[in-house]
């Protein structure tokens, strides 16, 4: 579980900093998610030995055939055969999620009739408001592994898009560093917004302006990979289902009484990983991609 204690939701943009580093407990950030200290050599040894297993599990998933466009009234359906092999060397999926929060510094500045708003109110509203979703919120970046464990960076302000959050986390640089001098280099796969030509962050096949359209094989690859990438969306649903307190804005408070929205969200993701270790992954790792989660003792390094 990635320690992101250096991240804060402030009104100013924090400077770019390395987050996935050895002194922040990233030994198992991409293999088991623990928060113990380790040297860069130990980090590279643990993660690189798990990447091929995760790749094989995802490849088995995309090789399976599945039925879509089913019409039960006419008893017809269309079956799509799986891919022969993955077009990319990927070990997991990356995405960002937004949780709504209560409006910061709302309410009157004093306990008397006619009191005005608090002076911090205008700045606080702009700091956490996202025009894309049209809400106030905090955002986390997660890397979901086929064994059901997810890492976490954040939370940060929801006004930032996914690419600035990726740059803040330095995830691409971290993946490059732990895979130096390896025969195969694996990447995390995200949706189309991550198609920015990074070394260890991949996305679907995409047609650029002035280029020929995608081939039938490329479209088929995109469809199969999107089917497998749905698992990270289910992981977000698992957190909301297990910890409903994260789903209601009035429970996610900042700059108010009991302002524990950031710590509360981090704890929910950690406890969700523990739940997966004890019960098997209901969203992906155990049932969907057939990759067993770690035992709890190994995850927590007890």
C-alpha atoms as a PDB file:
ATOM      1  CA  UNK A   1       0.000   0.000   0.000  1.00  0.00           C
ATOM      2  CA  UNK A   2       1.702   3.154  -1.192  1.00  0.00           C
ATOM      3  CA  UNK A   3       2.372   5.700   1.497  1.00  0.00           C
ATOM      4  CA  UNK A   4       1.175   9.021   0.092  1.00  0.00           C
ATOM      5  CA  UNK A   5       1.407  11.034   3.275  1.00  0.00           C
ATOM      6  CA  UNK A   6       3.348  13.766   1.498  1.00  0.00           C
ATOM      7  CA  UNK A   7       0.346  14.597  -0.674  1.00  0.00           C
ATOM      8  CA  UNK A   8      -2.025  17.296   0.485  1.00  0.00           C
ATOM      9  CA  UNK A   9      -5.081  18.990  -0.923  1.00  0.00           C
ATOM     10  CA  UNK A  10      -4.076  22.611  -0.848  1.00  0.00           C
ATOM     11  CA  UNK A  11      -5.099  25.588  -2.873  1.00  0.00           C
ATOM     12  CA  UNK A  12      -1.710  25.748  -4.601  1.00  0.00           C
ATOM     13  CA  UNK A  13      -0.240  23.119  -6.881  1.00  0.00           C
ATOM     14  CA  UNK A  14       2.483  21.169  -5.077  1.00  0.00           C
ATOM     15  CA  UNK A  15       5.832  20.717  -6.724  1.00  0.00           C
ATOM     16  CA  UNK A  16       6.575  17.505  -8.575  1.00  0.00           C
ATOM     17  CA  UNK A  17       8.063  14.969  -6.196  1.00  0.00           C
ATOM     18  CA  UNK A  18       9.023  11.285  -6.357  1.00  0.00           C
ATOM     19  CA  UNK A  19       6.430   9.312  -4.468  1.00  0.00           C
ATOM     20  CA  UNK A  20       7.147   5.708  -5.386  1.00  0.00           C
ATOM     21  CA  UNK A  21      10.561   5.596  -3.739  1.00  0.00           C
ATOM     22  CA  UNK A  22      12.293   3.274  -1.341  1.00  0.00           C
ATOM     23  CA  UNK A  23      12.112   5.599   1.659  1.00  0.00           C
ATOM     24  CA  UNK A  24       8.320   5.675   1.413  1.00  0.00           C
ATOM     25  CA  UNK A  25       7.809   1.954   1.627  1.00  0.00           C
ATOM     26  CA  UNK A  26       7.274   1.042  -2.014  1.00  0.00           C
ATOM     27  CA  UNK A  27       8.819  -2.409  -1.729  1.00  0.00           C
ATOM     28  CA  UNK A  28       5.594  -4.149  -2.584  1.00  0.00           C
ATOM     29  CA  UNK A  29       3.662  -1.232  -4.008  1.00  0.00           C
ATOM     30  CA  UNK A  30       3.108  -3.090  -7.240  1.00  0.00           C
ATOM     31  CA  UNK A  31       3.212  -6.663  -5.989  1.00  0.00           C
ATOM     32  CA  UNK A  32       1.530  -6.841  -2.580  1.00  0.00           C
ATOM     33  CA  UNK A  33       0.999  -3.234  -1.490  1.00  0.00           C
ATOM     34  CA  UNK A  34       2.816  -3.345   1.846  1.00  0.00           C
ATOM     35  CA  UNK A  35       4.392  -0.303   3.433  1.00  0.00           C
ATOM     36  CA  UNK A  36       7.746  -1.562   4.693  1.00  0.00           C
ATOM     37  CA  UNK A  37      11.115  -0.016   3.977  1.00  0.00           C
ATOM     38  CA  UNK A  38      13.439  -1.522   1.393  1.00  0.00           C
ATOM     39  CA  UNK A  39      16.435  -0.753  -0.732  1.00  0.00           C
ATOM     40  CA  UNK A  40      16.033  -0.140  -4.490  1.00  0.00           C
ATOM     41  CA  UNK A  41      17.593  -3.552  -5.120  1.00  0.00           C
ATOM     42  CA  UNK A  42      14.950  -5.278  -2.988  1.00  0.00           C
ATOM     43  CA  UNK A  43      12.196  -3.235  -4.646  1.00  0.00           C
ATOM     44  CA  UNK A  44      13.324  -4.346  -8.095  1.00  0.00           C
ATOM     45  CA  UNK A  45      13.600  -7.999  -7.041  1.00  0.00           C
ATOM     46  CA  UNK A  46      10.073  -8.216  -5.574  1.00  0.00           C
ATOM     47  CA  UNK A  47       8.195  -6.403  -8.300  1.00  0.00           C
ATOM     48  CA  UNK A  48       9.974  -7.849 -11.308  1.00  0.00           C
ATOM     49  CA  UNK A  49       9.336 -11.415 -10.192  1.00  0.00           C
ATOM     50  CA  UNK A  50       5.576 -10.788 -10.032  1.00  0.00           C
ATOM     51  CA  UNK A  51       5.138  -8.910 -13.314  1.00  0.00           C
ATOM     52  CA  UNK A  52       5.385 -12.027 -15.566  1.00  0.00           C
ATOM     53  CA  UNK A  53       2.755 -13.811 -13.465  1.00  0.00           C
ATOM     54  CA  UNK A  54       0.404 -10.834 -13.727  1.00  0.00           C
ATOM     55  CA  UNK A  55       1.031 -10.627 -17.488  1.00  0.00           C
ATOM     56  CA  UNK A  56       0.170 -14.320 -17.937  1.00  0.00           C
ATOM     57  CA  UNK A  57      -3.048 -13.887 -15.939  1.00  0.00           C
ATOM     58  CA  UNK A  58      -4.196 -10.943 -18.077  1.00  0.00           C
ATOM     59  CA  UNK A  59      -3.279 -12.802 -21.251  1.00  0.00           C
ATOM     60  CA  UNK A  60      -5.393 -15.781 -20.225  1.00  0.00           C
ATOM     61  CA  UNK A  61      -8.297 -13.390 -19.692  1.00  0.00           C
ATOM     62  CA  UNK A  62      -8.098 -11.792 -23.163  1.00  0.00           C
ATOM     63  CA  UNK A  63      -7.769 -15.224 -24.776  1.00  0.00           C
ATOM     64  CA  UNK A  64     -11.224 -16.215 -23.547  1.00  0.00           C
ATOM     65  CA  UNK A  65     -14.245 -15.917 -25.826  1.00  0.00           C
ATOM     66  CA  UNK A  66     -17.248 -13.956 -24.618  1.00  0.00           C
ATOM     67  CA  UNK A  67     -20.800 -13.191 -25.712  1.00  0.00           C
ATOM     68  CA  UNK A  68     -22.101  -9.673 -26.336  1.00  0.00           C
ATOM     69  CA  UNK A  69     -25.084  -8.059 -28.080  1.00  0.00           C
ATOM     70  CA  UNK A  70     -27.348 -10.778 -26.728  1.00  0.00           C
ATOM     71  CA  UNK A  71     -31.018 -10.603 -27.769  1.00  0.00           C
ATOM     72  CA  UNK A  72     -33.021 -12.838 -25.455  1.00  0.00           C
ATOM     73  CA  UNK A  73     -36.327 -12.194 -27.208  1.00  0.00           C
ATOM     74  CA  UNK A  74     -35.080 -13.504 -30.556  1.00  0.00           C
ATOM     75  CA  UNK A  75     -32.667 -15.949 -28.889  1.00  0.00           C
ATOM     76  CA  UNK A  76     -29.686 -14.578 -30.832  1.00  0.00           C
ATOM     77  CA  UNK A  77     -26.263 -13.486 -29.729  1.00  0.00           C
ATOM     78  CA  UNK A  78     -22.875 -12.587 -31.098  1.00  0.00           C
ATOM     79  CA  UNK A  79     -19.770 -14.340 -29.814  1.00  0.00           C
ATOM     80  CA  UNK A  80     -16.336 -12.757 -29.992  1.00  0.00           C
ATOM     81  CA  UNK A  81     -13.305 -15.015 -29.874  1.00  0.00           C
ATOM     82  CA  UNK A  82     -10.376 -14.076 -27.661  1.00  0.00           C
ATOM     83  CA  UNK A  83      -6.972 -12.850 -28.740  1.00  0.00           C
ATOM     84  CA  UNK A  84      -4.124 -15.216 -29.469  1.00  0.00           C
ATOM     85  CA  UNK A  85      -1.801 -13.074 -27.324  1.00  0.00           C
ATOM     86  CA  UNK A  86      -1.627  -9.663 -25.670  1.00  0.00           C
ATOM     87  CA  UNK A  87      -0.329  -6.912 -27.984  1.00  0.00           C
ATOM     88  CA  UNK A  88       1.352  -5.152 -25.021  1.00  0.00           C
ATOM     89  CA  UNK A  89       3.484  -6.370 -22.122  1.00  0.00           C
ATOM     90  CA  UNK A  90       1.261  -5.159 -19.262  1.00  0.00           C
ATOM     91  CA  UNK A  91       1.076  -6.190 -15.619  1.00  0.00           C
ATOM     92  CA  UNK A  92      -1.929  -4.185 -14.374  1.00  0.00           C
ATOM     93  CA  UNK A  93      -4.300  -1.296 -14.954  1.00  0.00           C
ATOM     94  CA  UNK A  94      -4.092   2.364 -13.962  1.00  0.00           C
ATOM     95  CA  UNK A  95      -6.921   4.834 -13.496  1.00  0.00           C
ATOM     96  CA  UNK A  96      -8.119   7.721 -11.331  1.00  0.00           C
ATOM     97  CA  UNK A  97     -11.278   8.019  -9.269  1.00  0.00           C
ATOM     98  CA  UNK A  98     -13.052  11.036  -7.765  1.00  0.00           C
ATOM     99  CA  UNK A  99     -14.904  11.064  -4.443  1.00  0.00           C
ATOM    100  CA  UNK A 100     -17.244  13.936  -3.667  1.00  0.00           C
ATOM    101  CA  UNK A 101     -16.546  16.011  -0.565  1.00  0.00           C
ATOM    102  CA  UNK A 102     -18.512  18.446   1.508  1.00  0.00           C
ATOM    103  CA  UNK A 103     -17.919  22.074   0.557  1.00  0.00           C
ATOM    104  CA  UNK A 104     -14.968  23.404   2.487  1.00  0.00           C
ATOM    105  CA  UNK A 105     -15.334  26.540   4.657  1.00  0.00           C
ATOM    106  CA  UNK A 106     -19.063  26.710   3.967  1.00  0.00           C
ATOM    107  CA  UNK A 107     -21.390  28.337   6.450  1.00  0.00           C
ATOM    108  CA  UNK A 108     -21.320  31.740   8.148  1.00  0.00           C
ATOM    109  CA  UNK A 109     -18.163  33.286   9.564  1.00  0.00           C
ATOM    110  CA  UNK A 110     -19.796  33.949  12.916  1.00  0.00           C
ATOM    111  CA  UNK A 111     -22.599  32.689  15.148  1.00  0.00           C
ATOM    112  CA  UNK A 112     -24.828  35.735  14.777  1.00  0.00           C
ATOM    113  CA  UNK A 113     -27.558  36.929  12.459  1.00  0.00           C
ATOM    114  CA  UNK A 114     -26.291  38.497   9.254  1.00  0.00           C
ATOM    115  CA  UNK A 115     -22.814  36.953   9.439  1.00  0.00           C
ATOM    116  CA  UNK A 116     -21.037  36.772   6.106  1.00  0.00           C
ATOM    117  CA  UNK A 117     -19.197  33.897   4.545  1.00  0.00           C
ATOM    118  CA  UNK A 118     -15.805  32.817   5.794  1.00  0.00           C
ATOM    119  CA  UNK A 119     -12.958  34.619   3.994  1.00  0.00           C
ATOM    120  CA  UNK A 120     -11.435  31.320   2.847  1.00  0.00           C
ATOM    121  CA  UNK A 121     -14.641  30.197   1.123  1.00  0.00           C
ATOM    122  CA  UNK A 122     -14.019  31.488  -2.473  1.00  0.00           C
ATOM    123  CA  UNK A 123     -10.476  30.090  -2.670  1.00  0.00           C
ATOM    124  CA  UNK A 124     -11.482  26.756  -1.137  1.00  0.00           C
ATOM    125  CA  UNK A 125     -14.321  26.290  -3.613  1.00  0.00           C
ATOM    126  CA  UNK A 126     -12.014  26.797  -6.583  1.00  0.00           C
ATOM    127  CA  UNK A 127      -9.363  24.559  -5.053  1.00  0.00           C
ATOM    128  CA  UNK A 128     -11.536  21.436  -5.033  1.00  0.00           C
ATOM    129  CA  UNK A 129     -14.055  22.081  -7.802  1.00  0.00           C
ATOM    130  CA  UNK A 130     -13.792  20.168 -11.081  1.00  0.00           C
ATOM    131  CA  UNK A 131     -15.616  21.633 -14.043  1.00  0.00           C
ATOM    132  CA  UNK A 132     -15.511  18.283 -15.844  1.00  0.00           C
ATOM    133  CA  UNK A 133     -17.626  16.510 -13.219  1.00  0.00           C
ATOM    134  CA  UNK A 134     -19.174  19.724 -11.875  1.00  0.00           C
ATOM    135  CA  UNK A 135     -18.625  18.842  -8.238  1.00  0.00           C
ATOM    136  CA  UNK A 136     -16.223  19.337  -5.330  1.00  0.00           C
ATOM    137  CA  UNK A 137     -14.034  16.332  -4.731  1.00  0.00           C
ATOM    138  CA  UNK A 138     -10.712  14.634  -4.127  1.00  0.00           C
ATOM    139  CA  UNK A 139      -8.993  12.323  -6.603  1.00  0.00           C
ATOM    140  CA  UNK A 140      -6.863   9.198  -6.156  1.00  0.00           C
ATOM    141  CA  UNK A 141      -4.689   7.352  -8.643  1.00  0.00           C
ATOM    142  CA  UNK A 142      -4.645   3.571  -8.325  1.00  0.00           C
ATOM    143  CA  UNK A 143      -2.821   0.728 -10.028  1.00  0.00           C
ATOM    144  CA  UNK A 144      -4.966  -2.399  -9.970  1.00  0.00           C
ATOM    145  CA  UNK A 145      -3.177  -5.751 -10.117  1.00  0.00           C
ATOM    146  CA  UNK A 146      -4.669  -9.044 -11.343  1.00  0.00           C
ATOM    147  CA  UNK A 147      -4.350 -10.513  -7.844  1.00  0.00           C
ATOM    148  CA  UNK A 148      -6.922  -7.993  -6.583  1.00  0.00           C
ATOM    149  CA  UNK A 149      -4.525  -5.680  -4.743  1.00  0.00           C
ATOM    150  CA  UNK A 150      -4.471  -1.999  -5.655  1.00  0.00           C
ATOM    151  CA  UNK A 151      -1.943   0.718  -4.879  1.00  0.00           C
ATOM    152  CA  UNK A 152      -2.896   4.268  -4.049  1.00  0.00           C
ATOM    153  CA  UNK A 153      -1.514   7.738  -4.704  1.00  0.00           C
ATOM    154  CA  UNK A 154      -3.300  10.716  -3.229  1.00  0.00           C
ATOM    155  CA  UNK A 155      -5.832  12.003  -2.552  1.00  0.00           C
ATOM    156  CA  UNK A 156      -5.266  15.293  -4.352  1.00  0.00           C
ATOM    157  CA  UNK A 157      -7.656  17.972  -5.540  1.00  0.00           C
ATOM    158  CA  UNK A 158     -10.196  16.795  -8.111  1.00  0.00           C
ATOM    159  CA  UNK A 159      -9.554  19.859 -10.261  1.00  0.00           C
ATOM    160  CA  UNK A 160      -6.420  18.200 -11.619  1.00  0.00           C
ATOM    161  CA  UNK A 161      -6.867  15.879 -14.587  1.00  0.00           C
ATOM    162  CA  UNK A 162      -5.416  12.365 -14.710  1.00  0.00           C
ATOM    163  CA  UNK A 163      -2.184  13.323 -16.500  1.00  0.00           C
ATOM    164  CA  UNK A 164      -1.036  15.936 -13.929  1.00  0.00           C
ATOM    165  CA  UNK A 165      -1.773  13.410 -11.183  1.00  0.00           C
ATOM    166  CA  UNK A 166       0.342  10.843 -13.048  1.00  0.00           C
ATOM    167  CA  UNK A 167       3.183  13.354 -13.236  1.00  0.00           C
ATOM    168  CA  UNK A 168       2.879  14.044  -9.517  1.00  0.00           C
ATOM    169  CA  UNK A 169       3.097  10.352  -8.666  1.00  0.00           C
ATOM    170  CA  UNK A 170       6.165   9.743 -10.872  1.00  0.00           C
ATOM    171  CA  UNK A 171       4.804   6.269 -11.553  1.00  0.00           C
ATOM    172  CA  UNK A 172       6.329   5.996 -15.027  1.00  0.00           C
ATOM    173  CA  UNK A 173       9.803   6.888 -13.730  1.00  0.00           C
ATOM    174  CA  UNK A 174       9.410   4.406 -10.881  1.00  0.00           C
ATOM    175  CA  UNK A 175       8.487   1.561 -13.232  1.00  0.00           C
ATOM    176  CA  UNK A 176      11.409   2.357 -15.512  1.00  0.00           C
ATOM    177  CA  UNK A 177      13.818   2.416 -12.583  1.00  0.00           C
ATOM    178  CA  UNK A 178      12.822  -0.941 -11.072  1.00  0.00           C
ATOM    179  CA  UNK A 179      12.995  -2.679 -14.471  1.00  0.00           C
ATOM    180  CA  UNK A 180      16.436  -1.516 -15.569  1.00  0.00           C
ATOM    181  CA  UNK A 181      18.565  -4.241 -17.195  1.00  0.00           C
ATOM    182  CA  UNK A 182      15.579  -6.624 -17.361  1.00  0.00           C
ATOM    183  CA  UNK A 183      14.931  -8.713 -20.436  1.00  0.00           C
ATOM    184  CA  UNK A 184      11.248  -7.726 -20.617  1.00  0.00           C
ATOM    185  CA  UNK A 185       9.776  -4.386 -19.603  1.00  0.00           C
ATOM    186  CA  UNK A 186       6.176  -4.353 -18.431  1.00  0.00           C
ATOM    187  CA  UNK A 187       3.756  -1.430 -18.386  1.00  0.00           C
ATOM    188  CA  UNK A 188       0.538  -0.348 -16.684  1.00  0.00           C
ATOM    189  CA  UNK A 189      -2.400   0.072 -19.046  1.00  0.00           C
ATOM    190  CA  UNK A 190      -4.881   2.929 -18.768  1.00  0.00           C
ATOM    191  CA  UNK A 191      -7.730   4.340 -20.801  1.00  0.00           C
ATOM    192  CA  UNK A 192      -7.309   6.632 -23.788  1.00  0.00           C
ATOM    193  CA  UNK A 193      -6.234   9.657 -21.731  1.00  0.00           C
ATOM    194  CA  UNK A 194      -2.964   7.861 -20.926  1.00  0.00           C
ATOM    195  CA  UNK A 195      -2.022   7.581 -24.604  1.00  0.00           C
ATOM    196  CA  UNK A 196       0.861  10.073 -24.253  1.00  0.00           C
ATOM    197  CA  UNK A 197       3.793   7.910 -25.401  1.00  0.00           C
ATOM    198  CA  UNK A 198       5.313   7.124 -22.020  1.00  0.00           C
ATOM    199  CA  UNK A 199       7.703   4.235 -21.617  1.00  0.00           C
ATOM    200  CA  UNK A 200       5.867   2.212 -18.958  1.00  0.00           C
ATOM    201  CA  UNK A 201       2.323   3.614 -19.232  1.00  0.00           C
ATOM    202  CA  UNK A 202       0.359   2.246 -22.185  1.00  0.00           C
ATOM    203  CA  UNK A 203      -3.108   2.715 -23.608  1.00  0.00           C
ATOM    204  CA  UNK A 204      -5.234   1.332 -26.420  1.00  0.00           C
ATOM    205  CA  UNK A 205      -4.476   1.560 -30.106  1.00  0.00           C
ATOM    206  CA  UNK A 206      -5.399   5.057 -31.231  1.00  0.00           C
ATOM    207  CA  UNK A 207      -5.758   6.764 -34.586  1.00  0.00           C
ATOM    208  CA  UNK A 208      -4.022  10.121 -34.825  1.00  0.00           C
ATOM    209  CA  UNK A 209      -4.762  12.921 -37.249  1.00  0.00           C
ATOM    210  CA  UNK A 210      -3.255  12.246 -40.663  1.00  0.00           C
ATOM    211  CA  UNK A 211      -2.838   8.514 -40.030  1.00  0.00           C
ATOM    212  CA  UNK A 212      -4.834   5.664 -41.570  1.00  0.00           C
ATOM    213  CA  UNK A 213      -7.749   4.262 -39.545  1.00  0.00           C
ATOM    214  CA  UNK A 214      -7.269   1.391 -37.151  1.00  0.00           C
ATOM    215  CA  UNK A 215      -7.179  -2.082 -38.630  1.00  0.00           C
ATOM    216  CA  UNK A 216      -9.764  -4.718 -37.753  1.00  0.00           C
ATOM    217  CA  UNK A 217      -7.171  -6.499 -35.609  1.00  0.00           C
ATOM    218  CA  UNK A 218      -6.368  -3.320 -33.662  1.00  0.00           C
ATOM    219  CA  UNK A 219     -10.050  -2.652 -32.999  1.00  0.00           C
ATOM    220  CA  UNK A 220     -10.467  -6.232 -31.843  1.00  0.00           C
ATOM    221  CA  UNK A 221      -7.481  -5.877 -29.521  1.00  0.00           C
ATOM    222  CA  UNK A 222      -8.942  -2.697 -28.038  1.00  0.00           C
ATOM    223  CA  UNK A 223     -12.260  -4.418 -27.388  1.00  0.00           C
ATOM    224  CA  UNK A 224     -10.641  -7.373 -25.626  1.00  0.00           C
ATOM    225  CA  UNK A 225      -8.345  -5.223 -23.497  1.00  0.00           C
ATOM    226  CA  UNK A 226     -11.198  -2.913 -22.494  1.00  0.00           C
ATOM    227  CA  UNK A 227     -13.096  -5.976 -21.350  1.00  0.00           C
ATOM    228  CA  UNK A 228     -10.215  -6.928 -19.057  1.00  0.00           C
ATOM    229  CA  UNK A 229      -9.655  -3.349 -17.882  1.00  0.00           C
ATOM    230  CA  UNK A 230     -13.193  -3.215 -16.483  1.00  0.00           C
ATOM    231  CA  UNK A 231     -11.755  -4.892 -13.390  1.00  0.00           C
ATOM    232  CA  UNK A 232     -10.317  -1.610 -12.073  1.00  0.00           C
ATOM    233  CA  UNK A 233     -13.767  -0.014 -12.243  1.00  0.00           C
ATOM    234  CA  UNK A 234     -15.157  -2.901 -10.222  1.00  0.00           C
ATOM    235  CA  UNK A 235     -12.422  -2.325  -7.627  1.00  0.00           C
ATOM    236  CA  UNK A 236     -13.654   1.241  -7.109  1.00  0.00           C
ATOM    237  CA  UNK A 237     -17.159  -0.131  -6.687  1.00  0.00           C
ATOM    238  CA  UNK A 238     -15.872  -2.577  -4.059  1.00  0.00           C
ATOM    239  CA  UNK A 239     -14.469   0.262  -1.950  1.00  0.00           C
ATOM    240  CA  UNK A 240     -17.760   2.162  -2.164  1.00  0.00           C
ATOM    241  CA  UNK A 241     -19.766  -0.962  -1.328  1.00  0.00           C
ATOM    242  CA  UNK A 242     -17.658  -2.048   1.635  1.00  0.00           C
ATOM    243  CA  UNK A 243     -17.237   1.465   3.026  1.00  0.00           C
ATOM    244  CA  UNK A 244     -20.335   3.462   2.207  1.00  0.00           C
ATOM    245  CA  UNK A 245     -19.058   6.328   4.307  1.00  0.00           C
ATOM    246  CA  UNK A 246     -16.815   7.245   1.345  1.00  0.00           C
ATOM    247  CA  UNK A 247     -19.826   7.554  -0.985  1.00  0.00           C
ATOM    248  CA  UNK A 248     -21.559  10.421   0.798  1.00  0.00           C
ATOM    249  CA  UNK A 249     -20.200  13.980   0.557  1.00  0.00           C
ATOM    250  CA  UNK A 250     -21.304  14.938   4.064  1.00  0.00           C
ATOM    251  CA  UNK A 251     -18.976  12.251   5.454  1.00  0.00           C
ATOM    252  CA  UNK A 252     -15.999  13.511   3.422  1.00  0.00           C
ATOM    253  CA  UNK A 253     -15.177  16.742   5.194  1.00  0.00           C
ATOM    254  CA  UNK A 254     -12.278  19.151   4.835  1.00  0.00           C
ATOM    255  CA  UNK A 255     -11.713  22.305   6.895  1.00  0.00           C
ATOM    256  CA  UNK A 256     -14.607  21.386   9.205  1.00  0.00           C
ATOM    257  CA  UNK A 257     -15.172  19.455  12.373  1.00  0.00           C
ATOM    258  CA  UNK A 258     -13.568  15.997  12.037  1.00  0.00           C
ATOM    259  CA  UNK A 259     -11.806  16.798   8.719  1.00  0.00           C
ATOM    260  CA  UNK A 260     -10.632  13.279   8.018  1.00  0.00           C
ATOM    261  CA  UNK A 261     -11.668  12.792   4.385  1.00  0.00           C
ATOM    262  CA  UNK A 262      -8.111  12.139   3.136  1.00  0.00           C
ATOM    263  CA  UNK A 263      -7.113   9.720   5.906  1.00  0.00           C
ATOM    264  CA  UNK A 264     -10.522   8.044   5.715  1.00  0.00           C
ATOM    265  CA  UNK A 265     -10.180   7.326   1.992  1.00  0.00           C
ATOM    266  CA  UNK A 266      -6.672   5.932   2.371  1.00  0.00           C
ATOM    267  CA  UNK A 267      -7.793   3.667   5.194  1.00  0.00           C
ATOM    268  CA  UNK A 268     -10.739   2.424   3.117  1.00  0.00           C
ATOM    269  CA  UNK A 269      -8.451   1.334   0.268  1.00  0.00           C
ATOM    270  CA  UNK A 270      -6.072  -0.378   2.707  1.00  0.00           C
ATOM    271  CA  UNK A 271      -8.901  -2.260   4.432  1.00  0.00           C
ATOM    272  CA  UNK A 272     -10.306  -3.224   1.023  1.00  0.00           C
ATOM    273  CA  UNK A 273      -6.960  -4.837   0.178  1.00  0.00           C
ATOM    274  CA  UNK A 274      -7.082  -6.723   3.482  1.00  0.00           C
ATOM    275  CA  UNK A 275     -10.609  -7.851   2.664  1.00  0.00           C
ATOM    276  CA  UNK A 276      -9.366  -9.197  -0.673  1.00  0.00           C
ATOM    277  CA  UNK A 277      -6.588 -11.143   1.059  1.00  0.00           C
ATOM    278  CA  UNK A 278      -9.066 -12.757   3.441  1.00  0.00           C
ATOM    279  CA  UNK A 279     -11.995 -13.382   1.097  1.00  0.00           C
ATOM    280  CA  UNK A 280     -10.577 -13.484  -2.417  1.00  0.00           C
ATOM    281  CA  UNK A 281     -11.127 -10.742  -4.943  1.00  0.00           C
ATOM    282  CA  UNK A 282     -14.758 -10.363  -5.922  1.00  0.00           C
ATOM    283  CA  UNK A 283     -13.972  -7.898  -8.700  1.00  0.00           C
ATOM    284  CA  UNK A 284     -10.984  -9.260 -10.578  1.00  0.00           C
ATOM    285  CA  UNK A 285      -7.975 -11.032  -9.194  1.00  0.00           C
ATOM    286  CA  UNK A 286      -9.529 -14.252  -7.916  1.00  0.00           C
ATOM    287  CA  UNK A 287     -12.720 -14.692  -9.920  1.00  0.00           C
ATOM    288  CA  UNK A 288     -12.265 -12.699 -13.126  1.00  0.00           C
ATOM    289  CA  UNK A 289      -8.613 -13.123 -14.061  1.00  0.00           C
ATOM    290  CA  UNK A 290      -7.817 -16.209 -11.949  1.00  0.00           C
ATOM    291  CA  UNK A 291      -4.838 -14.824 -10.051  1.00  0.00           C
ATOM    292  CA  UNK A 292      -4.916 -15.554  -6.334  1.00  0.00           C
ATOM    293  CA  UNK A 293      -4.370 -12.657  -3.926  1.00  0.00           C
ATOM    294  CA  UNK A 294      -1.534 -12.838  -1.369  1.00  0.00           C
ATOM    295  CA  UNK A 295      -2.114 -14.212   2.094  1.00  0.00           C
ATOM    296  CA  UNK A 296      -2.670 -11.608   4.752  1.00  0.00           C
ATOM    297  CA  UNK A 297       0.614 -12.316   6.556  1.00  0.00           C
ATOM    298  CA  UNK A 298       2.555 -11.749   3.353  1.00  0.00           C
ATOM    299  CA  UNK A 299       0.604  -8.586   2.559  1.00  0.00           C
ATOM    300  CA  UNK A 300       1.126  -7.027   5.959  1.00  0.00           C
ATOM    301  CA  UNK A 301       4.551  -8.627   6.551  1.00  0.00           C
ATOM    302  CA  UNK A 302       3.569  -9.710  10.050  1.00  0.00           C
END
